[in-house]
Amino acid sequence: MLEEIKKGLMTGIGAVLLTKEKIEESVQKLVEESKLKEEDARRLIDDLAGTGQKQAQKMESDLGDVFKKTLSGMNVARRDELVEIQHQLEGIEVRLSVLESREKATD
């Protein structure tokens, strides 16, 4: 019966969106209605909360992979690449300024 209740809660509410408070609230109602023993309720709360966290972490990882793949396909520069280009440009500006100063001095 515990597995059936777990499946019902997972399907009905959506494991990723479940917060520990909501899980506890839902399971406590089942305990109050004598549909679930207190010991089973604790185990169910732990299982559902753990499953929800794992699914949320997997979703975050999967989304990160999708974004990286999408950006890679769009040929968009990474932040570290832009910072490197900015440093190179600053170096070029300094050298140009030195050359311009020398040119003005010889005029």
N, C-alpha and C. Protein backbone atom coordinates (compact mmCIF):
# COMPACT_ATOMS: atom_id res chain seq x y z
N MET A 1 0.83 -1.20 0.00
CA MET A 1 0.00 0.00 0.00
C MET A 1 0.87 1.26 0.00
N LEU A 2 1.98 1.19 0.68
CA LEU A 2 2.88 2.33 0.75
C LEU A 2 3.34 2.75 -0.64
N GLU A 3 3.68 1.79 -1.48
CA GLU A 3 4.11 2.09 -2.85
C GLU A 3 2.99 2.73 -3.66
N GLU A 4 1.78 2.29 -3.47
CA GLU A 4 0.64 2.85 -4.20
C GLU A 4 0.42 4.31 -3.79
N ILE A 5 0.53 4.58 -2.52
CA ILE A 5 0.37 5.95 -2.03
C ILE A 5 1.49 6.82 -2.58
N LYS A 6 2.70 6.29 -2.55
CA LYS A 6 3.86 7.03 -3.06
C LYS A 6 3.67 7.36 -4.53
N LYS A 7 3.26 6.38 -5.33
CA LYS A 7 3.03 6.61 -6.75
C LYS A 7 1.94 7.65 -6.97
N GLY A 8 0.89 7.56 -6.18
CA GLY A 8 -0.22 8.51 -6.31
C GLY A 8 0.22 9.93 -6.01
N LEU A 9 0.98 10.10 -4.95
CA LEU A 9 1.47 11.44 -4.60
C LEU A 9 2.43 11.96 -5.66
N MET A 10 3.31 11.09 -6.13
CA MET A 10 4.28 11.50 -7.14
C MET A 10 3.57 11.94 -8.41
N THR A 11 2.56 11.20 -8.80
CA THR A 11 1.84 11.52 -10.03
C THR A 11 0.95 12.74 -9.83
N GLY A 12 0.22 12.77 -8.74
CA GLY A 12 -0.75 13.84 -8.51
C GLY A 12 -0.15 15.20 -8.28
N ILE A 13 0.95 15.25 -7.58
CA ILE A 13 1.52 16.55 -7.21
C ILE A 13 2.73 16.89 -8.05
N GLY A 14 3.44 15.89 -8.50
CA GLY A 14 4.66 16.15 -9.29
C GLY A 14 5.85 16.21 -8.37
N ALA A 15 6.71 15.21 -8.40
CA ALA A 15 7.81 15.09 -7.44
C ALA A 15 8.75 16.28 -7.47
N VAL A 16 8.98 16.86 -8.59
CA VAL A 16 9.92 17.97 -8.68
C VAL A 16 9.41 19.19 -7.94
N LEU A 17 8.11 19.38 -7.93
CA LEU A 17 7.53 20.57 -7.33
C LEU A 17 7.21 20.41 -5.85
N LEU A 18 7.36 19.19 -5.34
CA LEU A 18 7.02 18.96 -3.95
C LEU A 18 8.06 19.59 -3.03
N THR A 19 7.59 20.31 -2.05
CA THR A 19 8.48 20.78 -1.01
C THR A 19 8.31 19.85 0.17
N LYS A 20 9.28 19.83 1.03
CA LYS A 20 9.20 18.94 2.18
C LYS A 20 7.97 19.25 3.03
N GLU A 21 7.63 20.53 3.15
CA GLU A 21 6.44 20.91 3.93
C GLU A 21 5.17 20.35 3.32
N LYS A 22 5.05 20.46 2.01
CA LYS A 22 3.86 19.94 1.33
C LYS A 22 3.77 18.42 1.46
N ILE A 23 4.92 17.76 1.36
CA ILE A 23 4.95 16.31 1.50
C ILE A 23 4.46 15.93 2.90
N GLU A 24 5.03 16.60 3.91
CA GLU A 24 4.65 16.30 5.29
C GLU A 24 3.16 16.56 5.53
N GLU A 25 2.67 17.64 4.98
CA GLU A 25 1.25 17.99 5.12
C GLU A 25 0.36 16.91 4.51
N SER A 26 0.69 16.48 3.30
CA SER A 26 -0.11 15.46 2.62
C SER A 26 -0.06 14.12 3.34
N VAL A 27 1.14 13.74 3.78
CA VAL A 27 1.29 12.46 4.47
C VAL A 27 0.62 12.50 5.83
N GLN A 28 0.70 13.65 6.51
CA GLN A 28 0.05 13.77 7.82
C GLN A 28 -1.46 13.58 7.70
N LYS A 29 -2.05 14.07 6.63
CA LYS A 29 -3.49 13.86 6.40
C LYS A 29 -3.80 12.38 6.28
N LEU A 30 -2.93 11.64 5.59
CA LEU A 30 -3.13 10.20 5.46
C LEU A 30 -3.02 9.50 6.80
N VAL A 31 -2.10 9.96 7.66
CA VAL A 31 -1.95 9.38 9.00
C VAL A 31 -3.22 9.67 9.81
N GLU A 32 -3.70 10.91 9.74
CA GLU A 32 -4.90 11.29 10.50
C GLU A 32 -6.12 10.50 10.04
N GLU A 33 -6.18 10.18 8.78
CA GLU A 33 -7.30 9.41 8.24
C GLU A 33 -7.08 7.90 8.44
N SER A 34 -6.01 7.54 9.15
CA SER A 34 -5.66 6.14 9.45
C SER A 34 -5.41 5.32 8.19
N LYS A 35 -4.97 5.96 7.14
CA LYS A 35 -4.64 5.25 5.91
C LYS A 35 -3.16 4.89 5.87
N LEU A 36 -2.41 5.41 6.86
CA LEU A 36 -0.97 5.20 6.87
C LEU A 36 -0.47 5.23 8.30
N LYS A 37 0.45 4.31 8.64
CA LYS A 37 1.05 4.27 9.98
C LYS A 37 2.09 5.38 10.08
N GLU A 38 2.31 5.86 11.30
CA GLU A 38 3.27 6.94 11.55
C GLU A 38 4.67 6.56 11.05
N GLU A 39 5.09 5.33 11.31
CA GLU A 39 6.41 4.86 10.88
C GLU A 39 6.53 4.86 9.35
N ASP A 40 5.48 4.41 8.67
CA ASP A 40 5.47 4.42 7.21
C ASP A 40 5.45 5.85 6.68
N ALA A 41 4.77 6.71 7.41
CA ALA A 41 4.67 8.12 7.00
C ALA A 41 6.05 8.76 6.98
N ARG A 42 6.85 8.54 8.01
CA ARG A 42 8.21 9.11 8.08
C ARG A 42 9.04 8.61 6.90
N ARG A 43 8.96 7.31 6.62
CA ARG A 43 9.74 6.71 5.54
C ARG A 43 9.28 7.30 4.19
N LEU A 44 7.97 7.46 4.05
CA LEU A 44 7.42 8.02 2.81
C LEU A 44 7.88 9.46 2.61
N ILE A 45 7.87 10.24 3.68
CA ILE A 45 8.31 11.65 3.60
C ILE A 45 9.77 11.71 3.16
N ASP A 46 10.61 10.88 3.77
CA ASP A 46 12.03 10.86 3.41
C ASP A 46 12.23 10.43 1.96
N ASP A 47 11.50 9.39 1.53
CA ASP A 47 11.62 8.90 0.15
C ASP A 47 11.19 9.96 -0.86
N LEU A 48 10.05 10.58 -0.61
CA LEU A 48 9.53 11.57 -1.55
C LEU A 48 10.41 12.82 -1.62
N ALA A 49 10.87 13.27 -0.46
CA ALA A 49 11.72 14.46 -0.44
C ALA A 49 13.04 14.17 -1.16
N GLY A 50 13.60 13.00 -0.92
CA GLY A 50 14.85 12.62 -1.59
C GLY A 50 14.68 12.50 -3.08
N THR A 51 13.58 11.89 -3.49
CA THR A 51 13.30 11.73 -4.92
C THR A 51 13.11 13.08 -5.59
N GLY A 52 12.40 13.96 -4.93
CA GLY A 52 12.17 15.30 -5.49
C GLY A 52 13.47 16.06 -5.66
N GLN A 53 14.35 15.96 -4.66
CA GLN A 53 15.64 16.65 -4.75
C GLN A 53 16.49 16.07 -5.87
N LYS A 54 16.51 14.75 -5.99
CA LYS A 54 17.29 14.11 -7.05
C LYS A 54 16.77 14.53 -8.43
N GLN A 55 15.45 14.57 -8.57
CA GLN A 55 14.87 14.95 -9.86
C GLN A 55 15.16 16.41 -10.17
N ALA A 56 15.09 17.26 -9.16
CA ALA A 56 15.39 18.68 -9.38
C ALA A 56 16.85 18.87 -9.78
N GLN A 57 17.76 18.13 -9.14
CA GLN A 57 19.18 18.23 -9.49
C GLN A 57 19.43 17.71 -10.90
N LYS A 58 18.76 16.62 -11.26
CA LYS A 58 18.92 16.07 -12.61
C LYS A 58 18.38 17.06 -13.64
N MET A 59 17.24 17.67 -13.34
CA MET A 59 16.66 18.64 -14.27
C MET A 59 17.60 19.82 -14.45
N GLU A 60 18.18 20.29 -13.35
CA GLU A 60 19.12 21.42 -13.42
C GLU A 60 20.34 21.05 -14.27
N SER A 61 20.86 19.86 -14.06
CA SER A 61 22.00 19.39 -14.83
C SER A 61 21.65 19.26 -16.31
N ASP A 62 20.48 18.67 -16.59
CA ASP A 62 20.05 18.50 -17.97
C ASP A 62 19.85 19.85 -18.67
N LEU A 63 19.25 20.79 -17.95
CA LEU A 63 19.05 22.12 -18.53
C LEU A 63 20.39 22.81 -18.80
N GLY A 64 21.32 22.64 -17.88
CA GLY A 64 22.65 23.21 -18.08
C GLY A 64 23.30 22.64 -19.33
N ASP A 65 23.16 21.33 -19.52
CA ASP A 65 23.73 20.70 -20.71
C ASP A 65 23.07 21.23 -21.98
N VAL A 66 21.75 21.40 -21.94
CA VAL A 66 21.02 21.92 -23.11
C VAL A 66 21.49 23.33 -23.43
N PHE A 67 21.63 24.18 -22.41
CA PHE A 67 22.07 25.55 -22.64
C PHE A 67 23.49 25.58 -23.21
N LYS A 68 24.39 24.76 -22.64
CA LYS A 68 25.76 24.73 -23.15
C LYS A 68 25.79 24.29 -24.61
N LYS A 69 25.01 23.26 -24.92
CA LYS A 69 24.97 22.75 -26.28
C LYS A 69 24.40 23.81 -27.23
N THR A 70 23.35 24.48 -26.79
CA THR A 70 22.71 25.50 -27.61
C THR A 70 23.68 26.65 -27.87
N LEU A 71 24.32 27.14 -26.82
CA LEU A 71 25.27 28.25 -26.97
C LEU A 71 26.45 27.84 -27.83
N SER A 72 26.91 26.62 -27.68
CA SER A 72 28.01 26.14 -28.49
C SER A 72 27.62 26.13 -29.96
N GLY A 73 26.42 25.72 -30.26
CA GLY A 73 25.93 25.69 -31.63
C GLY A 73 25.71 27.07 -32.21
N MET A 74 25.49 28.05 -31.34
CA MET A 74 25.27 29.42 -31.80
C MET A 74 26.58 30.17 -32.01
N ASN A 75 27.70 29.53 -31.66
CA ASN A 75 29.01 30.13 -31.82
C ASN A 75 29.13 31.43 -31.02
N VAL A 76 28.68 31.39 -29.77
CA VAL A 76 28.73 32.54 -28.86
C VAL A 76 29.97 32.42 -27.99
N ALA A 77 30.68 33.52 -27.83
CA ALA A 77 31.90 33.52 -27.02
C ALA A 77 31.57 33.34 -25.54
N ARG A 78 32.46 32.62 -24.86
CA ARG A 78 32.32 32.44 -23.41
C ARG A 78 32.86 33.68 -22.71
N ARG A 79 32.47 33.85 -21.46
CA ARG A 79 32.90 35.00 -20.68
C ARG A 79 34.42 35.07 -20.58
N ASP A 80 35.07 33.95 -20.32
CA ASP A 80 36.53 33.96 -20.19
C ASP A 80 37.21 34.35 -21.50
N GLU A 81 36.61 33.98 -22.63
CA GLU A 81 37.16 34.37 -23.93
C GLU A 81 37.03 35.88 -24.13
N LEU A 82 35.90 36.44 -23.73
CA LEU A 82 35.70 37.88 -23.87
C LEU A 82 36.65 38.66 -22.95
N VAL A 83 36.88 38.15 -21.76
CA VAL A 83 37.82 38.81 -20.84
C VAL A 83 39.22 38.80 -21.43
N GLU A 84 39.62 37.68 -22.02
CA GLU A 84 40.94 37.58 -22.66
C GLU A 84 41.06 38.59 -23.80
N ILE A 85 40.04 38.70 -24.62
CA ILE A 85 40.05 39.67 -25.73
C ILE A 85 40.13 41.10 -25.19
N GLN A 86 39.41 41.35 -24.10
CA GLN A 86 39.44 42.69 -23.49
C GLN A 86 40.86 43.02 -23.02
N HIS A 87 41.54 42.06 -22.41
CA HIS A 87 42.93 42.29 -21.96
C HIS A 87 43.85 42.55 -23.14
N GLN A 88 43.67 41.80 -24.20
CA GLN A 88 44.48 42.01 -25.40
C GLN A 88 44.25 43.41 -25.97
N LEU A 89 42.99 43.83 -26.02
CA LEU A 89 42.64 45.14 -26.55
C LEU A 89 43.25 46.25 -25.69
N GLU A 90 43.21 46.07 -24.38
CA GLU A 90 43.81 47.07 -23.49
C GLU A 90 45.32 47.17 -23.74
N GLY A 91 45.96 46.03 -23.97
CA GLY A 91 47.39 46.03 -24.28
C GLY A 91 47.68 46.76 -25.58
N ILE A 92 46.85 46.54 -26.58
CA ILE A 92 47.01 47.21 -27.87
C ILE A 92 46.81 48.72 -27.71
N GLU A 93 45.84 49.12 -26.91
CA GLU A 93 45.60 50.54 -26.68
C GLU A 93 46.79 51.21 -26.01
N VAL A 94 47.40 50.52 -25.07
CA VAL A 94 48.58 51.07 -24.38
C VAL A 94 49.72 51.24 -25.37
N ARG A 95 49.97 50.22 -26.18
CA ARG A 95 51.05 50.30 -27.17
C ARG A 95 50.79 51.40 -28.19
N LEU A 96 49.54 51.54 -28.63
CA LEU A 96 49.18 52.59 -29.58
C LEU A 96 49.40 53.96 -28.97
N SER A 97 49.03 54.11 -27.71
CA SER A 97 49.22 55.38 -27.02
C SER A 97 50.70 55.73 -26.93
N VAL A 98 51.55 54.73 -26.64
CA VAL A 98 53.00 54.95 -26.57
C VAL A 98 53.52 55.38 -27.94
N LEU A 99 53.09 54.70 -28.99
CA LEU A 99 53.53 55.04 -30.35
C LEU A 99 53.07 56.45 -30.73
N GLU A 100 51.85 56.79 -30.40
CA GLU A 100 51.35 58.15 -30.71
C GLU A 100 52.15 59.22 -29.95
N SER A 101 52.50 58.91 -28.71
CA SER A 101 53.30 59.86 -27.89
C SER A 101 54.67 60.06 -28.52
N ARG A 102 55.28 58.99 -28.98
CA ARG A 102 56.61 59.08 -29.64
C ARG A 102 56.50 59.89 -30.92
N GLU A 103 55.43 59.66 -31.66
CA GLU A 103 55.25 60.37 -32.92
C GLU A 103 55.09 61.87 -32.67
N LYS A 104 54.33 62.24 -31.66
CA LYS A 104 54.13 63.65 -31.34
C LYS A 104 55.44 64.27 -30.86
N ALA A 105 56.25 63.50 -30.17
CA ALA A 105 57.53 64.01 -29.66
C ALA A 105 58.52 64.28 -30.78
N THR A 106 58.44 63.51 -31.86
CA THR A 106 59.38 63.70 -32.98
C THR A 106 58.91 64.78 -33.94
N ASP A 107 57.68 65.19 -33.86
CA ASP A 107 57.16 66.22 -34.77
C ASP A 107 57.66 67.57 -34.43
